[in-house]
Amino acid sequence: MALLEVKDLHTSFFTDAGEVKAVDGVSFELDRGRVLGIVGESGSGKSVTAYSIMQILAPTGKIVGGSIRFDGQELIGADESHMRKVRGNRISIIFQDPMTSLNPTYTIGHQLKEAILLHTGRNKEEAKERALEMLTLVNVNEPLKRLKQYPFELSGGMRQRVMIAMALACEPDILIADEPTTALDVTIQAQILELMQDLQKKLGMAIIMITHDLGVVAQMCDEVIVMYAGAVCERGTADEIFYTPAHEYTKGLMRSIPRDENNGQRLKPITGTPIDLLNMPKGCPFAPRCENAMKICLTQRPGIMDLGGNHISACWMNYKESAAACAAPEGDKA
């Protein structure tokens, strides 16, 4: 049985302008010790999917359908007392910006010890020892000194390490990392990712890595979900996504990655702007930006096509290629 099972998840935000379907039928599974990447540009529904799992949505947000089962137990509809036992204790999250995630009016030590006292049976002295242990584990220098400092006294990379220490203090089964390296420079990014890989191997936890950086995905993830307009447009292993992408959006993301072999040529961006979730098109959400869009793409939404193994895609081009392969003479088929 999978550690986490998300089935046909629908999350909407109800605004004065209307219902925004931020997550529209997302499904995936996560096994113990595995790393799942969720990729897509801003507004694709990545973070809202994570917040739905944690049930920390804004007041206007609501899960309107689907199922989230963690370790065999349904989380949707669970009361707040049950969710408090899950959040931080068994499922932890690292947010994008450590400066706004840490309280500027309390010391690092106070915030770390508060999280440990809240989710474990440790007393104050044991909580302090655990806080020091975690800061040492995430390679924070002079950990005793850091406990007495405030967030503004630390660098961005150091604050992110503190956030990782706080998230891992209770040894969660799942760590959700929501764009954990966005605000950091390249050198610190590499250090944080290496740290997370080491900790994942040592602790054996599962990780959901939410990012728009495909380089991070290639480095860390076993399986990848590509999201667009709140829905999964492609899912597969990291090798399948990188070497045999099957959705036009995924292919566009691949073309926009800087590579050594570009030889000074300009990158090829995806043209157009992200879809307006209040005015969704009738057909494929990506059709208005797709170079290979066909008439059917504009009028009908493609279904999920099984491409073999764990690889799926929702793109009419797969149906076209499948039909062409079936129509080809026997000797011409691959």
Protein backbone atom coordinates (compact mmCIF):
# COMPACT_ATOMS: atom_id res chain seq x y z
CA MET A 1 0.00 0.00 0.00
CA ALA A 2 1.28 3.46 -0.91
CA LEU A 3 2.12 5.84 1.95
CA LEU A 4 0.12 8.65 0.32
CA GLU A 5 -2.71 8.21 -2.19
CA VAL A 6 -4.29 11.26 -3.82
CA LYS A 7 -7.25 10.45 -6.06
CA ASP A 8 -9.20 12.87 -8.26
CA LEU A 9 -8.46 15.84 -5.98
CA HIS A 10 -10.45 19.01 -6.68
CA THR A 11 -9.68 22.23 -4.80
CA SER A 12 -11.36 25.54 -5.58
CA PHE A 13 -11.14 29.12 -4.38
CA PHE A 14 -14.44 30.96 -4.20
CA THR A 15 -13.93 34.62 -5.04
CA ASP A 16 -16.15 37.57 -5.93
CA ALA A 17 -15.26 36.96 -9.58
CA GLY A 18 -16.31 33.31 -9.43
CA GLU A 19 -14.95 29.83 -8.67
CA VAL A 20 -11.26 29.29 -9.41
CA LYS A 21 -10.55 25.58 -9.93
CA ALA A 22 -6.94 25.64 -8.73
CA VAL A 23 -6.63 21.83 -8.58
CA ASP A 24 -8.74 19.94 -11.09
CA GLY A 25 -8.70 16.15 -10.76
CA VAL A 26 -5.12 15.48 -9.59
CA SER A 27 -4.19 11.86 -8.79
CA PHE A 28 -0.89 10.28 -7.71
CA GLU A 29 0.69 7.87 -5.24
CA LEU A 30 3.83 8.17 -3.13
CA ASP A 31 5.69 5.22 -1.63
CA ARG A 32 7.95 5.30 1.41
CA GLY A 33 11.49 6.46 0.69
CA ARG A 34 10.64 7.80 -2.79
CA VAL A 35 11.00 11.33 -4.18
CA LEU A 36 8.14 12.75 -6.27
CA GLY A 37 8.63 15.94 -8.27
CA ILE A 38 5.72 18.23 -9.12
CA VAL A 39 6.65 20.57 -11.95
CA GLY A 40 4.91 23.47 -13.66
CA GLU A 41 4.98 27.23 -14.02
CA SER A 42 3.44 29.63 -11.49
CA GLY A 43 -0.30 29.16 -11.15
CA SER A 44 -0.33 25.54 -12.30
CA GLY A 45 -1.65 24.25 -8.96
CA LYS A 46 1.54 22.76 -7.48
CA SER A 47 1.48 24.54 -4.12
CA VAL A 48 -2.30 24.31 -3.76
CA THR A 49 -1.99 20.52 -4.15
CA ALA A 50 0.49 20.50 -1.25
CA TYR A 51 -1.63 22.81 0.89
CA SER A 52 -4.64 20.59 0.22
CA ILE A 53 -2.72 17.58 1.55
CA MET A 54 -1.75 19.56 4.67
CA GLN A 55 -5.20 21.22 4.79
CA ILE A 56 -3.77 24.70 5.30
CA LEU A 57 -5.74 26.45 2.56
CA ALA A 58 -6.71 30.13 2.67
CA PRO A 59 -10.23 30.87 4.02
CA THR A 60 -11.60 31.14 0.46
CA GLY A 61 -10.16 27.74 -0.50
CA LYS A 62 -12.02 24.46 -0.17
CA ILE A 63 -11.47 20.83 -1.17
CA VAL A 64 -14.61 20.10 -3.19
CA GLY A 65 -13.93 16.52 -4.24
CA GLY A 66 -11.57 13.58 -4.25
CA SER A 67 -9.64 11.59 -1.69
CA ILE A 68 -6.36 12.00 0.22
CA ARG A 69 -5.35 8.85 2.08
CA PHE A 70 -2.26 8.94 4.27
CA ASP A 71 -1.03 5.62 5.67
CA GLY A 72 -4.48 4.16 4.97
CA GLN A 73 -6.45 6.95 6.68
CA GLU A 74 -8.62 9.51 4.87
CA LEU A 75 -7.53 13.11 5.54
CA ILE A 76 -10.38 14.91 3.77
CA GLY A 77 -13.06 15.48 6.35
CA ALA A 78 -10.75 14.66 9.27
CA ASP A 79 -11.21 16.92 12.30
CA GLU A 80 -8.63 19.52 13.27
CA SER A 81 -7.33 17.53 16.26
CA HIS A 82 -6.42 14.64 13.92
CA MET A 83 -4.77 16.99 11.42
CA ARG A 84 -2.65 18.52 14.19
CA LYS A 85 -1.23 15.06 14.86
CA VAL A 86 -0.41 14.67 11.16
CA ARG A 87 0.96 18.14 10.40
CA GLY A 88 4.55 18.67 11.47
CA ASN A 89 4.65 15.27 13.12
CA ARG A 90 4.12 12.85 10.19
CA ILE A 91 3.94 15.26 7.23
CA SER A 92 6.10 18.39 7.30
CA ILE A 93 6.46 21.23 4.82
CA ILE A 94 9.23 23.65 3.90
CA PHE A 95 7.82 26.87 2.46
CA GLN A 96 9.31 28.99 -0.33
CA ASP A 97 10.52 31.95 1.67
CA PRO A 98 12.21 31.19 5.01
CA MET A 99 12.18 34.88 6.02
CA THR A 100 8.38 35.06 6.01
CA SER A 101 8.00 31.52 7.37
CA LEU A 102 10.01 32.25 10.52
CA ASN A 103 8.60 34.64 13.12
CA PRO A 104 10.91 37.69 13.29
CA THR A 105 9.99 38.41 16.94
CA TYR A 106 11.21 35.07 18.34
CA THR A 107 14.65 33.50 18.42
CA ILE A 108 15.55 30.50 16.29
CA GLY A 109 15.82 28.39 19.43
CA HIS A 110 12.36 29.38 20.66
CA GLN A 111 10.74 28.46 17.34
CA LEU A 112 12.57 25.16 17.01
CA LYS A 113 11.81 24.12 20.60
CA GLU A 114 8.16 25.17 20.23
CA ALA A 115 7.73 22.82 17.25
CA ILE A 116 9.41 19.95 19.10
CA LEU A 117 7.36 20.47 22.29
CA LEU A 118 4.14 20.68 20.29
CA HIS A 119 4.60 17.44 18.35
CA THR A 120 6.60 15.21 20.70
CA GLY A 121 6.58 14.16 24.34
CA ARG A 122 9.94 15.81 25.08
CA ASN A 123 10.39 18.26 27.96
CA LYS A 124 12.07 21.68 27.56
CA GLU A 125 15.60 20.43 28.16
CA GLU A 126 15.17 17.51 25.78
CA ALA A 127 13.64 19.88 23.19
CA LYS A 128 16.73 22.10 23.40
CA GLU A 129 19.01 19.09 22.92
CA ARG A 130 16.92 17.99 19.91
CA ALA A 131 17.08 21.51 18.43
CA LEU A 132 20.87 21.52 18.72
CA GLU A 133 21.02 18.04 17.22
CA MET A 134 18.91 19.10 14.22
CA LEU A 135 20.90 22.28 13.57
CA THR A 136 24.07 20.18 13.62
CA LEU A 137 22.46 17.64 11.27
CA VAL A 138 21.70 20.34 8.68
CA ASN A 139 25.25 21.72 8.95
CA VAL A 140 24.50 25.00 10.73
CA ASN A 141 27.76 26.27 12.22
CA GLU A 142 27.87 27.30 15.90
CA PRO A 143 24.42 25.83 16.61
CA LEU A 144 24.36 26.94 20.27
CA LYS A 145 24.93 30.55 19.17
CA ARG A 146 22.24 30.28 16.44
CA LEU A 147 19.60 29.24 18.98
CA LYS A 148 19.87 32.70 20.58
CA GLN A 149 19.72 34.62 17.29
CA TYR A 150 16.73 36.05 15.43
CA PRO A 151 15.90 35.18 11.79
CA PHE A 152 17.13 38.54 10.45
CA GLU A 153 20.59 37.81 11.85
CA LEU A 154 21.01 34.78 9.56
CA SER A 155 21.69 34.57 5.82
CA GLY A 156 19.06 33.22 3.41
CA GLY A 157 20.81 29.87 3.12
CA MET A 158 21.13 29.58 6.91
CA ARG A 159 17.44 30.41 7.42
CA GLN A 160 16.52 27.72 4.90
CA ARG A 161 18.64 25.21 6.83
CA VAL A 162 16.77 26.21 10.00
CA MET A 163 13.46 25.60 8.20
CA ILE A 164 14.66 22.15 7.12
CA ALA A 165 15.78 21.41 10.69
CA MET A 166 12.35 22.44 11.99
CA ALA A 167 10.55 20.32 9.37
CA LEU A 168 12.66 17.25 10.19
CA ALA A 169 12.75 17.63 13.98
CA CYS A 170 9.86 15.18 14.46
CA GLU A 171 11.17 12.71 11.85
CA PRO A 172 8.20 12.94 9.46
CA ASP A 173 7.22 10.18 7.04
CA ILE A 174 6.77 12.77 4.25
CA LEU A 175 8.59 16.05 3.67
CA ILE A 176 6.92 18.49 1.27
CA ALA A 177 9.48 20.96 -0.11
CA ASP A 178 7.66 23.87 -1.78
CA GLU A 179 10.25 25.60 -3.99
CA PRO A 180 12.86 25.31 -1.21
CA THR A 181 15.69 26.94 -3.20
CA THR A 182 13.84 29.73 -5.04
CA ALA A 183 15.24 32.64 -2.99
CA LEU A 184 18.80 31.29 -2.82
CA ASP A 185 21.84 31.82 -5.03
CA VAL A 186 23.14 28.95 -7.16
CA THR A 187 25.90 27.84 -4.76
CA ILE A 188 23.56 27.71 -1.75
CA GLN A 189 20.90 25.95 -3.88
CA ALA A 190 23.33 23.14 -4.62
CA GLN A 191 24.23 22.82 -0.93
CA ILE A 192 20.57 22.69 0.18
CA LEU A 193 19.67 20.05 -2.44
CA GLU A 194 22.68 17.92 -1.50
CA LEU A 195 21.68 18.25 2.15
CA MET A 196 18.11 17.14 1.43
CA GLN A 197 19.34 14.12 -0.54
CA ASP A 198 21.65 13.08 2.29
CA LEU A 199 18.92 13.46 4.91
CA GLN A 200 16.41 11.56 2.77
CA LYS A 201 18.80 8.61 2.55
CA LYS A 202 19.64 8.73 6.27
CA LEU A 203 16.05 9.06 7.51
CA GLY A 204 14.31 7.04 4.76
CA MET A 205 11.49 9.56 4.39
CA ALA A 206 9.47 10.28 1.26
CA ILE A 207 9.76 13.72 -0.35
CA ILE A 208 7.41 15.75 -2.53
CA MET A 209 9.58 18.28 -4.34
CA ILE A 210 7.54 21.17 -5.76
CA THR A 211 9.52 23.24 -8.24
CA HIS A 212 9.63 24.92 -11.63
CA ASP A 213 13.33 24.04 -11.94
CA LEU A 214 13.76 20.94 -14.09
CA GLY A 215 17.41 20.72 -13.09
CA VAL A 216 16.32 20.08 -9.50
CA VAL A 217 13.91 17.39 -10.71
CA ALA A 218 16.60 15.63 -12.73
CA GLN A 219 18.93 15.62 -9.74
CA MET A 220 16.52 14.43 -7.05
CA CYS A 221 13.29 12.81 -8.25
CA ASP A 222 12.29 9.21 -8.94
CA GLU A 223 8.91 10.11 -10.45
CA VAL A 224 7.64 13.38 -11.93
CA ILE A 225 4.22 14.99 -12.35
CA VAL A 226 3.89 17.86 -14.82
CA MET A 227 0.96 20.16 -14.03
CA TYR A 228 -0.77 22.79 -16.14
CA ALA A 229 -3.96 24.74 -15.35
CA GLY A 230 -4.53 22.77 -12.15
CA ALA A 231 -4.42 19.34 -13.80
CA VAL A 232 -1.82 16.62 -14.40
CA CYS A 233 -0.85 16.76 -18.07
CA GLU A 234 1.90 14.12 -17.81
CA ARG A 235 3.29 11.69 -15.26
CA GLY A 236 6.17 9.24 -15.43
CA THR A 237 9.60 8.34 -14.14
CA ALA A 238 12.29 11.02 -14.35
CA ASP A 239 13.85 9.19 -17.31
CA GLU A 240 10.51 9.00 -19.15
CA ILE A 241 9.80 12.69 -18.63
CA PHE A 242 13.27 13.83 -19.68
CA TYR A 243 14.00 11.42 -22.53
CA THR A 244 10.53 10.61 -23.94
CA PRO A 245 8.24 13.54 -23.04
CA ALA A 246 4.74 12.94 -24.39
CA HIS A 247 2.88 16.21 -23.75
CA GLU A 248 3.50 19.36 -25.78
CA TYR A 249 3.77 21.41 -22.60
CA THR A 250 6.45 19.08 -21.20
CA LYS A 251 8.32 19.29 -24.50
CA GLY A 252 8.16 23.08 -24.31
CA LEU A 253 9.60 23.03 -20.80
CA MET A 254 12.44 20.81 -22.01
CA ARG A 255 13.25 23.17 -24.90
CA SER A 256 13.52 26.08 -22.50
CA ILE A 257 16.26 24.48 -20.36
CA PRO A 258 19.72 26.08 -20.80
CA ARG A 259 22.13 23.45 -22.16
CA ASP A 260 25.83 23.36 -22.94
CA GLU A 261 25.10 22.32 -26.51
CA ASN A 262 23.00 25.45 -27.21
CA ASN A 263 26.19 27.02 -28.65
CA GLY A 264 25.11 30.56 -27.92
CA GLN A 265 21.67 30.14 -29.50
CA ARG A 266 18.67 31.76 -27.87
CA LEU A 267 16.46 29.61 -25.65
CA LYS A 268 13.06 28.79 -27.06
CA PRO A 269 10.44 29.90 -24.52
CA ILE A 270 6.82 28.79 -24.41
CA THR A 271 4.90 31.63 -26.04
CA GLY A 272 1.77 33.21 -24.62
CA THR A 273 0.67 33.54 -21.01
CA PRO A 274 -0.67 31.05 -18.44
CA ILE A 275 -4.35 30.23 -18.71
CA ASP A 276 -7.00 32.27 -16.88
CA LEU A 277 -8.58 29.74 -14.50
CA LEU A 278 -11.78 31.79 -14.42
CA ASN A 279 -12.16 31.47 -18.20
CA MET A 280 -11.00 27.98 -19.07
CA PRO A 281 -11.09 27.05 -22.79
CA LYS A 282 -13.44 24.32 -23.98
CA GLY A 283 -10.67 22.06 -25.24
CA CYS A 284 -7.11 21.39 -24.05
CA PRO A 285 -6.00 24.12 -21.59
CA PHE A 286 -2.59 24.31 -23.29
CA ALA A 287 -3.99 24.59 -26.83
CA PRO A 288 -3.82 28.44 -27.03
CA ARG A 289 -0.02 28.25 -26.48
CA CYS A 290 0.72 25.02 -28.35
CA GLU A 291 2.63 25.16 -31.67
CA ASN A 292 1.12 21.85 -32.80
CA ALA A 293 -2.49 22.45 -31.74
CA MET A 294 -5.08 20.75 -33.96
CA LYS A 295 -8.79 21.57 -34.38
CA ILE A 296 -9.78 18.90 -31.88
CA CYS A 297 -7.45 20.46 -29.29
CA LEU A 298 -9.55 23.64 -29.36
CA THR A 299 -12.90 21.92 -28.94
CA GLN A 300 -12.36 18.76 -26.86
CA ARG A 301 -10.29 18.11 -23.76
CA PRO A 302 -8.02 15.07 -24.18
CA GLY A 303 -8.35 12.12 -21.85
CA ILE A 304 -5.49 10.45 -20.00
CA MET A 305 -3.62 8.04 -22.25
CA ASP A 306 -1.60 5.16 -20.79
CA LEU A 307 1.77 5.06 -22.54
CA GLY A 308 3.02 1.95 -20.75
CA GLY A 309 4.47 1.38 -17.32
CA ASN A 310 3.66 4.36 -15.12
CA HIS A 311 3.84 6.86 -17.99
CA ILE A 312 0.60 8.73 -18.77
CA SER A 313 -0.19 11.88 -20.74
CA ALA A 314 -3.24 13.99 -21.63
CA CYS A 315 -2.39 15.20 -25.14
CA TRP A 316 -4.21 14.67 -28.45
CA MET A 317 -0.83 14.26 -30.20
CA ASN A 318 -0.45 10.86 -28.51
CA TYR A 319 -3.75 9.71 -30.02
CA LYS A 320 -2.64 10.99 -33.43
CA GLU A 321 0.71 9.17 -33.21
CA SER A 322 -1.00 6.00 -31.94
CA ALA A 323 -3.48 6.09 -34.84
CA ALA A 324 -0.64 6.65 -37.33
CA ALA A 325 1.28 3.69 -35.90
CA CYS A 326 -1.78 1.44 -36.16
CA ALA A 327 -2.43 2.53 -39.76
CA ALA A 328 1.17 2.00 -40.89
CA PRO A 329 2.12 -1.20 -42.77
CA GLU A 330 3.51 -3.92 -40.52
CA GLY A 331 7.06 -3.40 -41.73
CA ASP A 332 6.93 0.33 -41.04
CA LYS A 333 5.96 0.03 -37.35
CA ALA A 334 8.65 0.50 -34.77
